Amino acid sequence: MPAAEVADAVCEVVNIAAGHMKARLAEGQAGIALGLPLFLHGAVRPVDKMNVDVFDVVFGDVPFVLVLLHRRG
């Protein structure tokens, strides 16, 4: 399978996972906003006004790392 197709499939799974995560987070907090999820390969370097939270997650049998970038304050 070409790399572009694999990346597209992974992005779709990330979209599904993000939708579920947003629904669970919104249960206790009104007005939560979630941007479009991204599938990245390589280092992420946030700007000074950003926080980074990293979580090890298992989706079904597949382990992955969830990186949340959000504004400070």
C-alpha atoms as a PDB file:
ATOM      1  CA  MET A   1       0.000   0.000   0.000  1.00  0.00           C
ATOM      2  CA  PRO A   2       1.438   3.430  -0.894  1.00  0.00           C
ATOM      3  CA  ALA A   3       2.511   5.692   1.974  1.00  0.00           C
ATOM      4  CA  ALA A   4      -0.081   8.320   1.010  1.00  0.00           C
ATOM      5  CA  GLU A   5      -2.903   5.796   1.411  1.00  0.00           C
ATOM      6  CA  VAL A   6      -1.553   4.657   4.781  1.00  0.00           C
ATOM      7  CA  ALA A   7      -1.351   8.281   5.959  1.00  0.00           C
ATOM      8  CA  ASP A   8      -4.918   8.892   4.757  1.00  0.00           C
ATOM      9  CA  ALA A   9      -6.178   5.839   6.669  1.00  0.00           C
ATOM     10  CA  VAL A  10      -4.337   6.905   9.827  1.00  0.00           C
ATOM     11  CA  CYS A  11      -5.817  10.411   9.540  1.00  0.00           C
ATOM     12  CA  GLU A  12      -9.282   8.883   9.346  1.00  0.00           C
ATOM     13  CA  VAL A  13      -8.665   6.872  12.518  1.00  0.00           C
ATOM     14  CA  VAL A  14      -7.326  10.011  14.226  1.00  0.00           C
ATOM     15  CA  ASN A  15     -10.517  11.869  13.220  1.00  0.00           C
ATOM     16  CA  ILE A  16     -12.679   9.119  14.729  1.00  0.00           C
ATOM     17  CA  ALA A  17     -10.633   9.030  17.943  1.00  0.00           C
ATOM     18  CA  ALA A  18     -10.717  12.837  18.223  1.00  0.00           C
ATOM     19  CA  GLY A  19     -14.493  12.865  17.830  1.00  0.00           C
ATOM     20  CA  HIS A  20     -14.878  10.339  20.630  1.00  0.00           C
ATOM     21  CA  MET A  21     -12.421  12.227  22.822  1.00  0.00           C
ATOM     22  CA  LYS A  22     -14.227  15.533  22.250  1.00  0.00           C
ATOM     23  CA  ALA A  23     -17.568  13.958  23.173  1.00  0.00           C
ATOM     24  CA  ARG A  24     -16.140  12.524  26.404  1.00  0.00           C
ATOM     25  CA  LEU A  25     -14.433  15.782  27.374  1.00  0.00           C
ATOM     26  CA  ALA A  26     -17.518  17.856  26.587  1.00  0.00           C
ATOM     27  CA  GLU A  27     -19.647  15.838  29.040  1.00  0.00           C
ATOM     28  CA  GLY A  28     -18.232  17.767  31.988  1.00  0.00           C
ATOM     29  CA  GLN A  29     -17.240  21.035  30.348  1.00  0.00           C
ATOM     30  CA  ALA A  30     -19.439  23.354  28.326  1.00  0.00           C
ATOM     31  CA  GLY A  31     -17.878  25.174  25.389  1.00  0.00           C
ATOM     32  CA  ILE A  32     -14.907  22.914  24.695  1.00  0.00           C
ATOM     33  CA  ALA A  33     -13.358  23.482  21.267  1.00  0.00           C
ATOM     34  CA  LEU A  34     -11.330  20.969  19.311  1.00  0.00           C
ATOM     35  CA  GLY A  35      -9.413  21.815  16.176  1.00  0.00           C
ATOM     36  CA  LEU A  36      -8.854  19.445  13.306  1.00  0.00           C
ATOM     37  CA  PRO A  37      -6.627  16.531  14.267  1.00  0.00           C
ATOM     38  CA  LEU A  38      -3.349  16.104  12.413  1.00  0.00           C
ATOM     39  CA  PHE A  39      -1.211  13.082  11.705  1.00  0.00           C
ATOM     40  CA  LEU A  40       2.433  14.194  11.886  1.00  0.00           C
ATOM     41  CA  HIS A  41       5.689  12.392  11.396  1.00  0.00           C
ATOM     42  CA  GLY A  42       8.680  13.979  13.106  1.00  0.00           C
ATOM     43  CA  ALA A  43       9.290  16.521  15.851  1.00  0.00           C
ATOM     44  CA  VAL A  44       6.682  19.037  17.003  1.00  0.00           C
ATOM     45  CA  ARG A  45       8.033  22.391  18.152  1.00  0.00           C
ATOM     46  CA  PRO A  46       5.380  24.667  19.638  1.00  0.00           C
ATOM     47  CA  VAL A  47       5.705  28.438  19.854  1.00  0.00           C
ATOM     48  CA  ASP A  48       6.304  30.156  23.223  1.00  0.00           C
ATOM     49  CA  LYS A  49       2.582  30.652  23.894  1.00  0.00           C
ATOM     50  CA  MET A  50       1.741  26.954  23.543  1.00  0.00           C
ATOM     51  CA  ASN A  51       1.619  24.092  26.030  1.00  0.00           C
ATOM     52  CA  VAL A  52       2.227  20.512  24.960  1.00  0.00           C
ATOM     53  CA  ASP A  53       0.638  17.510  26.688  1.00  0.00           C
ATOM     54  CA  VAL A  54       1.655  14.000  25.626  1.00  0.00           C
ATOM     55  CA  PHE A  55      -0.363  10.850  26.362  1.00  0.00           C
ATOM     56  CA  ASP A  56       0.308   7.188  25.602  1.00  0.00           C
ATOM     57  CA  VAL A  57      -2.984   5.784  24.286  1.00  0.00           C
ATOM     58  CA  VAL A  58      -4.202   2.402  23.095  1.00  0.00           C
ATOM     59  CA  PHE A  59      -6.951   2.402  20.458  1.00  0.00           C
ATOM     60  CA  GLY A  60      -8.158  -1.172  20.149  1.00  0.00           C
ATOM     61  CA  ASP A  61      -4.901  -3.118  19.958  1.00  0.00           C
ATOM     62  CA  VAL A  62      -2.903  -0.217  18.509  1.00  0.00           C
ATOM     63  CA  PRO A  63      -0.719   1.879  20.828  1.00  0.00           C
ATOM     64  CA  PHE A  64      -0.012   5.461  19.789  1.00  0.00           C
ATOM     65  CA  VAL A  65       1.032   8.800  21.255  1.00  0.00           C
ATOM     66  CA  LEU A  66      -1.500  11.613  21.504  1.00  0.00           C
ATOM     67  CA  VAL A  67       0.054  15.095  21.500  1.00  0.00           C
ATOM     68  CA  LEU A  68      -2.198  18.003  22.474  1.00  0.00           C
ATOM     69  CA  LEU A  69      -1.083  21.536  21.645  1.00  0.00           C
ATOM     70  CA  HIS A  70      -2.995  24.329  23.349  1.00  0.00           C
ATOM     71  CA  ARG A  71      -2.640  27.988  24.229  1.00  0.00           C
ATOM     72  CA  ARG A  72      -1.250  28.916  27.614  1.00  0.00           C
ATOM     73  CA  GLY A  73      -3.471  30.749  30.029  1.00  0.00           C
END
